[in-house]
Amino acid sequence: MMMFVGALTGPVYDAGYFRELLIVGTFLNVFGHMMLSLCTQYWQVLLAQGFCIGIGSACLFVPGVAILSTYFTSHLALATGIAASGSSLGGVLYPIILYRLINQVGFGWSVRTIGFIVLVTLLVPNLVMKVRVLPASKRPLVDWTAFRSLPFMLFILGAFVGFIGIYAPFFYMQSYAIAKHITNENLAFYLLSILNSASTFGRILPNMLADHVGPMNMILPCALMSGVLILTLMAVHNVGGMITFTVLFGFFSGTFVSLPPSIIVHLSPNRGLIGTRMGMCFSATAIGVLIGAPIAGAILAASDYKDVWIYGGVMTIAGTCLMFGARVAHKGWDLMIRA
């Protein structure tokens, strides 16, 4: 929901409504958490967390990334990586906070506590963030010229295919560790936090290098490594191997997730349509994430985790190949050229 609604929030940002998106996104995120704390039925959870928090996050995500291109040029990839690392940090802290509080104060107050933390942290961007460049005219919902750009379309297709597979470990790594008796339930719970911790560094350090070698040149080896690592899960049978995979995959997948906004800027000649193009890209990746996990679940129900990892790894590598095609279409076969 967060990325899919980006197709709408991107053009709204380009039209000059950044402040309004920030306020609406803050309200929906906090309100959604408070309502989630009162939920007793599944449909209520779907409305509160899926739609309310999802749409609120969409109001914050695309504009929060797109605005960086108006402040940074030579270090845009690093700035984007630092901004994206915040979600990894949240992925480390929020599960642990909920896990520690839920047995002490119950589900309701645990979620409300997270809601108050969200409120305090979102007050900061509401106070300090502002748009440097105001739009000169109204922006379209879709940038139709993007469909005539082969590098842009190949990259979006690659991101779509890659995101179908790369989230397989996020959803099934913990259950795999328990089902195969690799770790106990307590350690399995913390695997996702360990992954997000490593992802924080993966969103900053490679992005720093991307400012020198080019974001497309940086994302390709990291995306390929992510796909290969997913395939290696078939050979993981002990705690040491599981922790090693979690750290390495967290690092390289962090780069895969954080660099696309910089690449969209890199492939967009008209900076006034950055938000629109990011919305188009994130809508495509949202569909990939949406269908990827259920397909993996269907594979698991019909066979075993081995086939899930093959599916995830192959799809991620296939997405990498399409991104490589985008890089060749954009800058040619010379890999020494910054791209």
Protein backbone atom coordinates (compact mmCIF):
# COMPACT_ATOMS: atom_id res chain seq x y z
CA MET A 1 0.00 0.00 0.00
CA MET A 2 2.80 2.42 0.92
CA MET A 3 4.59 2.09 -2.41
CA PHE A 4 1.50 1.61 -4.57
CA VAL A 5 -0.16 4.85 -3.40
CA GLY A 6 3.14 6.53 -4.30
CA ALA A 7 1.75 6.76 -7.84
CA LEU A 8 -0.59 9.42 -6.44
CA THR A 9 1.57 11.09 -3.82
CA GLY A 10 4.46 11.59 -6.26
CA PRO A 11 2.50 13.91 -8.61
CA VAL A 12 0.91 15.62 -5.59
CA TYR A 13 4.42 16.38 -4.34
CA ASP A 14 5.43 17.68 -7.78
CA ALA A 15 2.36 19.95 -7.71
CA GLY A 16 3.74 21.69 -4.62
CA TYR A 17 1.76 20.04 -1.81
CA PHE A 18 4.69 18.71 0.18
CA ARG A 19 3.59 20.31 3.47
CA GLU A 20 0.07 18.96 3.11
CA LEU A 21 1.39 15.44 2.42
CA LEU A 22 3.60 15.66 5.49
CA ILE A 23 0.73 16.70 7.75
CA VAL A 24 -1.72 14.12 6.37
CA GLY A 25 0.91 11.37 6.53
CA THR A 26 1.74 12.19 10.13
CA PHE A 27 -1.91 12.20 11.18
CA LEU A 28 -2.76 8.93 9.41
CA ASN A 29 0.27 7.12 10.86
CA VAL A 30 -0.46 8.18 14.43
CA PHE A 31 -4.23 7.71 14.08
CA GLY A 32 -3.71 4.29 12.49
CA HIS A 33 -1.58 3.09 15.41
CA MET A 34 -4.12 4.32 17.95
CA MET A 35 -6.95 2.58 16.12
CA LEU A 36 -4.86 -0.58 15.72
CA SER A 37 -4.48 -0.73 19.50
CA LEU A 38 -8.28 -1.02 19.78
CA CYS A 39 -8.79 -3.66 17.09
CA THR A 40 -10.40 -6.99 17.95
CA GLN A 41 -11.25 -8.31 14.46
CA TYR A 42 -9.24 -8.89 11.30
CA TRP A 43 -11.14 -6.37 9.14
CA GLN A 44 -10.40 -3.70 11.72
CA VAL A 45 -6.68 -4.50 11.58
CA LEU A 46 -6.82 -4.35 7.78
CA LEU A 47 -8.35 -0.87 7.89
CA ALA A 48 -6.11 0.50 10.65
CA GLN A 49 -2.74 -0.96 9.71
CA GLY A 50 -3.16 -1.86 6.05
CA PHE A 51 -5.00 1.19 4.77
CA CYS A 52 -4.62 3.97 7.34
CA ILE A 53 -0.94 3.44 8.18
CA GLY A 54 -0.20 2.31 4.61
CA ILE A 55 -1.65 5.43 2.99
CA GLY A 56 -0.08 7.61 5.68
CA SER A 57 3.33 6.09 5.01
CA ALA A 58 2.85 6.69 1.28
CA CYS A 59 2.22 10.37 1.98
CA LEU A 60 5.60 10.50 3.75
CA PHE A 61 7.76 8.08 1.77
CA VAL A 62 7.89 9.36 -1.82
CA PRO A 63 7.99 13.09 -0.95
CA GLY A 64 10.55 12.43 1.78
CA VAL A 65 12.87 10.82 -0.76
CA ALA A 66 12.07 13.08 -3.72
CA ILE A 67 12.82 16.28 -1.80
CA LEU A 68 16.45 15.22 -1.38
CA SER A 69 17.13 15.86 -5.07
CA THR A 70 16.46 19.57 -4.48
CA TYR A 71 19.11 19.74 -1.76
CA PHE A 72 21.81 17.36 -2.99
CA THR A 73 23.49 16.78 -6.36
CA SER A 74 27.00 15.41 -5.92
CA HIS A 75 26.13 13.36 -2.81
CA LEU A 76 22.53 12.43 -3.60
CA ALA A 77 23.03 8.66 -3.28
CA LEU A 78 24.58 9.03 0.19
CA ALA A 79 21.82 11.39 1.30
CA THR A 80 19.18 8.97 0.04
CA GLY A 81 20.91 6.08 1.80
CA ILE A 82 21.01 7.94 5.10
CA ALA A 83 17.32 8.81 4.74
CA ALA A 84 16.44 5.21 3.84
CA SER A 85 18.42 3.87 6.80
CA GLY A 86 15.74 5.28 9.08
CA SER A 87 13.30 2.57 8.02
CA SER A 88 15.92 -0.08 8.82
CA LEU A 89 16.46 1.45 12.24
CA GLY A 90 12.72 1.33 12.80
CA GLY A 91 12.76 -2.30 11.68
CA VAL A 92 15.29 -2.98 14.44
CA LEU A 93 13.61 -1.08 17.26
CA TYR A 94 9.85 -1.43 16.79
CA PRO A 95 9.66 -5.27 16.82
CA ILE A 96 11.84 -5.39 19.93
CA ILE A 97 9.78 -2.70 21.68
CA LEU A 98 6.55 -4.54 20.89
CA TYR A 99 8.04 -7.90 21.88
CA ARG A 100 9.24 -6.57 25.24
CA LEU A 101 6.13 -4.59 26.12
CA ILE A 102 3.34 -6.89 25.00
CA ASN A 103 3.65 -9.30 27.96
CA GLN A 104 3.96 -6.44 30.45
CA VAL A 105 1.27 -3.96 29.41
CA GLY A 106 -0.70 -5.88 26.77
CA PHE A 107 -1.19 -5.43 23.04
CA GLY A 108 -3.18 -2.20 23.25
CA TRP A 109 -0.70 -0.11 25.21
CA SER A 110 2.24 -1.65 23.37
CA VAL A 111 0.88 -0.39 20.05
CA ARG A 112 -0.11 2.96 21.56
CA THR A 113 3.45 3.36 22.87
CA ILE A 114 4.76 2.85 19.34
CA GLY A 115 2.16 5.35 18.13
CA PHE A 116 3.46 7.99 20.54
CA ILE A 117 7.04 7.30 19.41
CA VAL A 118 5.90 7.75 15.80
CA LEU A 119 4.24 11.05 16.74
CA VAL A 120 7.37 12.44 18.39
CA THR A 121 9.70 11.37 15.58
CA LEU A 122 7.40 12.75 12.86
CA LEU A 123 7.22 16.13 14.58
CA VAL A 124 10.86 16.66 13.57
CA PRO A 125 10.32 16.63 9.76
CA ASN A 126 7.14 18.67 10.20
CA LEU A 127 9.22 21.37 11.87
CA VAL A 128 12.36 21.39 9.74
CA MET A 129 11.58 20.06 6.23
CA LYS A 130 10.62 22.48 3.46
CA VAL A 131 10.62 22.55 -0.33
CA ARG A 132 13.39 24.57 -1.95
CA VAL A 133 11.97 24.62 -5.48
CA LEU A 134 8.29 25.39 -6.06
CA PRO A 135 6.58 23.96 -9.17
CA ALA A 136 6.11 26.27 -12.14
CA SER A 137 2.99 24.49 -13.39
CA LYS A 138 0.67 21.58 -12.70
CA ARG A 139 2.18 18.11 -13.06
CA PRO A 140 0.58 15.07 -14.71
CA LEU A 141 -0.26 11.93 -12.77
CA VAL A 142 1.89 9.89 -15.18
CA ASP A 143 4.95 11.05 -17.10
CA TRP A 144 4.16 9.55 -20.51
CA THR A 145 7.60 10.46 -21.85
CA ALA A 146 9.05 7.88 -19.44
CA PHE A 147 7.56 5.08 -21.55
CA ARG A 148 9.80 6.18 -24.42
CA SER A 149 12.92 5.91 -22.27
CA LEU A 150 14.34 2.39 -22.65
CA PRO A 151 16.74 2.67 -19.67
CA PHE A 152 13.94 3.90 -17.40
CA MET A 153 11.47 1.19 -18.46
CA LEU A 154 14.06 -1.59 -18.20
CA PHE A 155 15.02 -0.41 -14.73
CA ILE A 156 11.40 -0.31 -13.54
CA LEU A 157 10.83 -3.79 -14.96
CA GLY A 158 13.99 -5.00 -13.23
CA ALA A 159 12.90 -3.48 -9.93
CA PHE A 160 9.47 -5.10 -10.30
CA VAL A 161 10.92 -8.56 -10.94
CA GLY A 162 13.62 -8.17 -8.30
CA PHE A 163 11.19 -7.12 -5.58
CA ILE A 164 9.07 -10.18 -6.30
CA GLY A 165 11.90 -12.36 -5.06
CA ILE A 166 14.03 -10.35 -2.67
CA TYR A 167 11.44 -10.21 0.12
CA ALA A 168 11.14 -14.00 0.41
CA PRO A 169 13.70 -14.18 3.27
CA PHE A 170 12.01 -11.27 5.06
CA PHE A 171 8.76 -13.23 5.26
CA TYR A 172 10.00 -16.83 5.66
CA MET A 173 13.49 -16.70 7.17
CA GLN A 174 12.27 -16.88 10.76
CA SER A 175 9.82 -19.74 10.20
CA TYR A 176 12.53 -21.57 8.23
CA ALA A 177 14.98 -21.30 11.14
CA ILE A 178 12.38 -22.74 13.54
CA ALA A 179 11.00 -25.44 11.22
CA LYS A 180 14.47 -26.77 10.40
CA HIS A 181 15.57 -26.55 14.06
CA ILE A 182 18.38 -24.15 13.18
CA THR A 183 17.60 -21.75 16.03
CA ASN A 184 15.18 -21.56 18.92
CA GLU A 185 12.12 -19.31 18.73
CA ASN A 186 13.74 -16.52 20.74
CA LEU A 187 16.74 -16.17 18.41
CA ALA A 188 14.54 -16.61 15.34
CA PHE A 189 12.53 -13.58 16.44
CA TYR A 190 15.68 -11.43 16.53
CA LEU A 191 16.83 -12.52 13.06
CA LEU A 192 14.74 -9.80 11.42
CA SER A 193 16.20 -7.17 13.74
CA ILE A 194 19.71 -8.41 12.94
CA LEU A 195 18.88 -8.23 9.23
CA ASN A 196 17.62 -4.66 9.57
CA SER A 197 20.70 -3.69 11.58
CA ALA A 198 22.94 -4.88 8.75
CA SER A 199 20.61 -3.21 6.24
CA THR A 200 21.26 0.13 7.92
CA PHE A 201 24.94 -0.09 6.95
CA GLY A 202 24.01 -1.47 3.53
CA ARG A 203 21.97 1.64 2.83
CA ILE A 204 24.78 4.04 3.74
CA LEU A 205 28.22 2.62 2.89
CA PRO A 206 27.54 1.43 -0.70
CA ASN A 207 25.55 4.61 -1.35
CA MET A 208 28.60 6.60 -0.36
CA LEU A 209 30.58 4.75 -3.01
CA ALA A 210 27.71 5.14 -5.50
CA ASP A 211 28.29 8.89 -5.57
CA HIS A 212 31.68 8.16 -7.15
CA VAL A 213 31.07 5.13 -9.40
CA GLY A 214 27.40 5.79 -10.18
CA PRO A 215 24.23 4.37 -8.57
CA MET A 216 23.56 1.86 -11.37
CA ASN A 217 27.10 0.51 -11.20
CA MET A 218 26.66 0.08 -7.44
CA ILE A 219 23.24 -1.55 -7.33
CA LEU A 220 24.09 -4.29 -9.85
CA PRO A 221 26.70 -6.24 -7.82
CA CYS A 222 24.69 -5.78 -4.62
CA ALA A 223 21.48 -7.02 -6.26
CA LEU A 224 23.32 -9.99 -7.77
CA MET A 225 24.85 -10.80 -4.39
CA SER A 226 21.40 -10.63 -2.77
CA GLY A 227 20.04 -13.19 -5.23
CA VAL A 228 23.01 -15.52 -4.76
CA LEU A 229 22.70 -15.28 -0.97
CA ILE A 230 19.03 -16.28 -1.12
CA LEU A 231 20.05 -19.40 -3.03
CA THR A 232 22.66 -20.23 -0.37
CA LEU A 233 19.90 -20.50 2.25
CA MET A 234 19.35 -24.04 0.97
CA ALA A 235 22.73 -24.95 2.47
CA VAL A 236 22.24 -23.24 5.84
CA HIS A 237 21.78 -25.81 8.62
CA ASN A 238 23.29 -24.24 11.76
CA VAL A 239 23.14 -21.08 13.83
CA GLY A 240 26.46 -19.71 12.57
CA GLY A 241 25.40 -20.05 8.96
CA MET A 242 22.04 -18.46 9.68
CA ILE A 243 23.57 -15.44 11.40
CA THR A 244 26.15 -15.05 8.63
CA PHE A 245 23.44 -15.15 5.96
CA THR A 246 21.28 -12.68 7.88
CA VAL A 247 24.07 -10.11 8.20
CA LEU A 248 25.29 -10.42 4.60
CA PHE A 249 21.82 -10.47 3.07
CA GLY A 250 20.73 -7.53 5.21
CA PHE A 251 23.72 -5.51 4.00
CA PHE A 252 23.37 -6.21 0.27
CA SER A 253 19.57 -6.11 0.16
CA GLY A 254 19.73 -2.74 1.91
CA THR A 255 21.55 -1.36 -1.11
CA PHE A 256 18.97 -2.92 -3.44
CA VAL A 257 16.18 -1.15 -1.57
CA SER A 258 17.83 2.25 -1.04
CA LEU A 259 19.46 3.06 -4.40
CA PRO A 260 16.42 3.07 -6.78
CA PRO A 261 15.41 6.67 -5.87
CA SER A 262 18.89 7.91 -6.80
CA ILE A 263 18.74 5.94 -10.05
CA ILE A 264 15.33 7.44 -10.89
CA VAL A 265 16.85 10.91 -10.48
CA HIS A 266 19.84 9.77 -12.56
CA LEU A 267 17.54 8.62 -15.39
CA SER A 268 15.20 11.64 -15.28
CA PRO A 269 16.22 14.68 -17.36
CA ASN A 270 13.32 16.77 -16.01
CA ARG A 271 13.81 17.34 -12.28
CA GLY A 272 10.31 18.76 -12.05
CA LEU A 273 8.88 15.27 -12.61
CA ILE A 274 11.04 13.43 -10.07
CA GLY A 275 8.10 12.77 -7.74
CA THR A 276 5.92 11.53 -10.59
CA ARG A 277 8.59 9.14 -11.86
CA MET A 278 9.34 7.87 -8.36
CA GLY A 279 5.65 7.24 -7.88
CA MET A 280 5.57 5.24 -11.13
CA CYS A 281 8.59 3.20 -10.05
CA PHE A 282 7.34 2.49 -6.54
CA SER A 283 3.91 1.49 -7.84
CA ALA A 284 5.58 -1.14 -10.00
CA THR A 285 7.71 -2.41 -7.13
CA ALA A 286 4.65 -2.42 -4.86
CA ILE A 287 2.95 -4.88 -7.19
CA GLY A 288 6.10 -7.01 -7.08
CA VAL A 289 6.13 -7.05 -3.28
CA LEU A 290 2.36 -7.67 -3.19
CA ILE A 291 2.44 -10.76 -5.40
CA GLY A 292 5.88 -12.04 -4.37
CA ALA A 293 5.08 -13.18 -0.84
CA PRO A 294 1.82 -15.02 -1.68
CA ILE A 295 3.56 -16.84 -4.53
CA ALA A 296 6.33 -17.86 -2.14
CA GLY A 297 3.69 -19.02 0.33
CA ALA A 298 1.96 -21.10 -2.33
CA ILE A 299 5.29 -22.67 -3.27
CA LEU A 300 5.97 -23.48 0.38
CA ALA A 301 2.53 -25.04 0.82
CA ALA A 302 3.08 -27.24 -2.23
CA SER A 303 6.69 -28.25 -1.60
CA ASP A 304 9.43 -27.08 0.78
CA TYR A 305 11.57 -24.09 1.76
CA LYS A 306 14.21 -25.14 -0.77
CA ASP A 307 11.90 -24.21 -3.64
CA VAL A 308 11.06 -20.91 -1.94
CA TRP A 309 14.73 -19.95 -1.87
CA ILE A 310 15.21 -21.02 -5.50
CA TYR A 311 12.22 -18.89 -6.46
CA GLY A 312 13.43 -15.87 -4.48
CA GLY A 313 17.02 -16.12 -5.69
CA VAL A 314 16.16 -16.64 -9.36
CA MET A 315 13.67 -13.75 -9.42
CA THR A 316 16.18 -11.42 -7.77
CA ILE A 317 18.91 -12.39 -10.24
CA ALA A 318 16.46 -12.00 -13.14
CA GLY A 319 15.67 -8.50 -11.92
CA THR A 320 19.39 -7.78 -11.76
CA CYS A 321 19.79 -8.84 -15.39
CA LEU A 322 17.05 -6.42 -16.45
CA MET A 323 18.72 -3.64 -14.48
CA PHE A 324 21.97 -4.46 -16.24
CA GLY A 325 20.10 -4.04 -19.52
CA ALA A 326 18.99 -0.60 -18.32
CA ARG A 327 22.58 0.29 -17.50
CA VAL A 328 23.77 -0.81 -20.97
CA ALA A 329 20.95 1.11 -22.66
CA HIS A 330 21.87 4.20 -20.65
CA LYS A 331 25.67 4.24 -20.82
CA GLY A 332 26.76 1.34 -23.04
CA TRP A 333 28.90 -1.73 -22.34
CA ASP A 334 31.90 0.10 -20.87
CA LEU A 335 31.64 -0.77 -17.16
CA MET A 336 34.31 1.78 -16.25
CA ILE A 337 32.00 4.67 -17.15
CA ARG A 338 30.12 6.21 -14.24
CA ALA A 339 26.44 5.27 -14.53
